[in-house]
Amino acid sequence: MHTIVLKVDEFVALAASRGHTSYETQASATGLGVATLHRIRNGELASAGAVAAICATYGVEFDAVFEFRTVTTTRTRPRATHAGA
């Protein structure tokens, strides 16, 4: 499966060039939540909205700070359900 992920080093350098050196300043600039930035900076899937917000804020094309990666899903054990719950 392909997914969109942030090129972290490129994003951090771009944000820093605008004076946005913390999660808080990056969140304020992009309109995204700090938790969202933390999540995508740690390699999790970037939503279309997050991609658009970052590209628009910093005036860059998708390829400047995002890439497609192939990921494999792992099957996890289903949660136990409680009868009568």
Protein backbone atom coordinates (compact mmCIF):
# COMPACT_ATOMS: atom_id res chain seq x y z
CA MET A 1 0.00 0.00 0.00
CA HIS A 2 1.22 3.52 -0.79
CA THR A 3 0.92 6.33 1.70
CA ILE A 4 1.91 10.00 1.88
CA VAL A 5 4.59 10.83 4.41
CA LEU A 6 6.43 13.98 5.35
CA LYS A 7 10.08 14.45 4.39
CA VAL A 8 10.95 15.48 7.91
CA ASP A 9 14.40 16.98 7.35
CA GLU A 10 13.18 19.06 4.42
CA PHE A 11 10.12 20.24 6.34
CA VAL A 12 12.09 21.16 9.46
CA ALA A 13 14.62 23.13 7.39
CA LEU A 14 11.86 24.92 5.47
CA ALA A 15 9.91 25.77 8.62
CA ALA A 16 13.08 26.96 10.38
CA SER A 17 13.88 29.24 7.44
CA ARG A 18 10.61 31.04 8.26
CA GLY A 19 11.35 31.18 11.99
CA HIS A 20 9.05 28.26 12.82
CA THR A 21 11.36 26.15 14.95
CA SER A 22 8.90 24.54 17.36
CA TYR A 23 5.82 22.40 16.97
CA GLU A 24 3.81 25.30 18.37
CA THR A 25 5.03 27.85 15.82
CA GLN A 26 4.60 25.34 12.98
CA ALA A 27 1.07 24.56 14.17
CA SER A 28 0.18 28.23 14.41
CA ALA A 29 1.53 28.93 10.92
CA THR A 30 -0.19 25.98 9.23
CA GLY A 31 -3.42 25.91 11.21
CA LEU A 32 -2.80 22.28 12.12
CA GLY A 33 -2.80 20.95 15.65
CA VAL A 34 0.43 20.29 17.49
CA ALA A 35 -0.59 16.63 17.83
CA THR A 36 -1.15 16.38 14.07
CA LEU A 37 2.29 17.82 13.33
CA HIS A 38 3.86 15.53 15.89
CA ARG A 39 2.15 12.52 14.32
CA ILE A 40 3.15 13.28 10.74
CA ARG A 41 6.69 14.32 11.73
CA ASN A 42 7.01 10.88 13.30
CA GLY A 43 6.26 9.13 10.03
CA GLU A 44 2.54 8.55 10.24
CA LEU A 45 0.15 9.10 7.36
CA ALA A 46 -0.39 12.71 6.31
CA SER A 47 -3.98 13.59 5.43
CA ALA A 48 -4.89 15.56 2.31
CA GLY A 49 -5.80 18.50 4.55
CA ALA A 50 -2.42 18.46 6.30
CA VAL A 51 -0.61 18.24 2.97
CA ALA A 52 -2.59 21.18 1.60
CA ALA A 53 -2.05 23.27 4.74
CA ILE A 54 1.70 22.74 4.78
CA CYS A 55 2.19 23.30 1.05
CA ALA A 56 0.02 26.44 1.07
CA THR A 57 1.65 27.88 4.20
CA TYR A 58 5.18 27.47 2.91
CA GLY A 59 4.42 28.04 -0.77
CA VAL A 60 5.94 24.77 -1.92
CA GLU A 61 4.92 21.92 -4.21
CA PHE A 62 4.04 18.51 -2.79
CA ASP A 63 7.40 16.94 -3.73
CA ALA A 64 9.34 19.51 -1.74
CA VAL A 65 8.19 18.17 1.61
CA PHE A 66 6.15 15.00 0.97
CA GLU A 67 6.69 11.67 -0.70
CA PHE A 68 4.86 8.45 -1.39
CA ARG A 69 6.17 5.42 0.44
CA THR A 70 5.17 1.84 0.20
CA VAL A 71 4.16 0.46 3.56
CA THR A 72 3.12 -2.98 4.57
CA THR A 73 0.32 -3.49 6.98
CA THR A 74 0.68 -5.83 9.88
CA ARG A 75 -2.18 -7.82 11.16
CA THR A 76 -2.88 -7.30 14.82
CA ARG A 77 -4.82 -9.51 17.13
CA PRO A 78 -8.43 -8.33 17.41
CA ARG A 79 -9.53 -6.86 20.69
CA ALA A 80 -11.44 -9.10 23.01
CA THR A 81 -15.09 -8.16 23.36
CA HIS A 82 -17.03 -8.51 26.52
CA ALA A 83 -20.35 -10.30 26.39
CA GLY A 84 -23.19 -8.02 27.37
CA ALA A 85 -21.09 -4.90 27.03
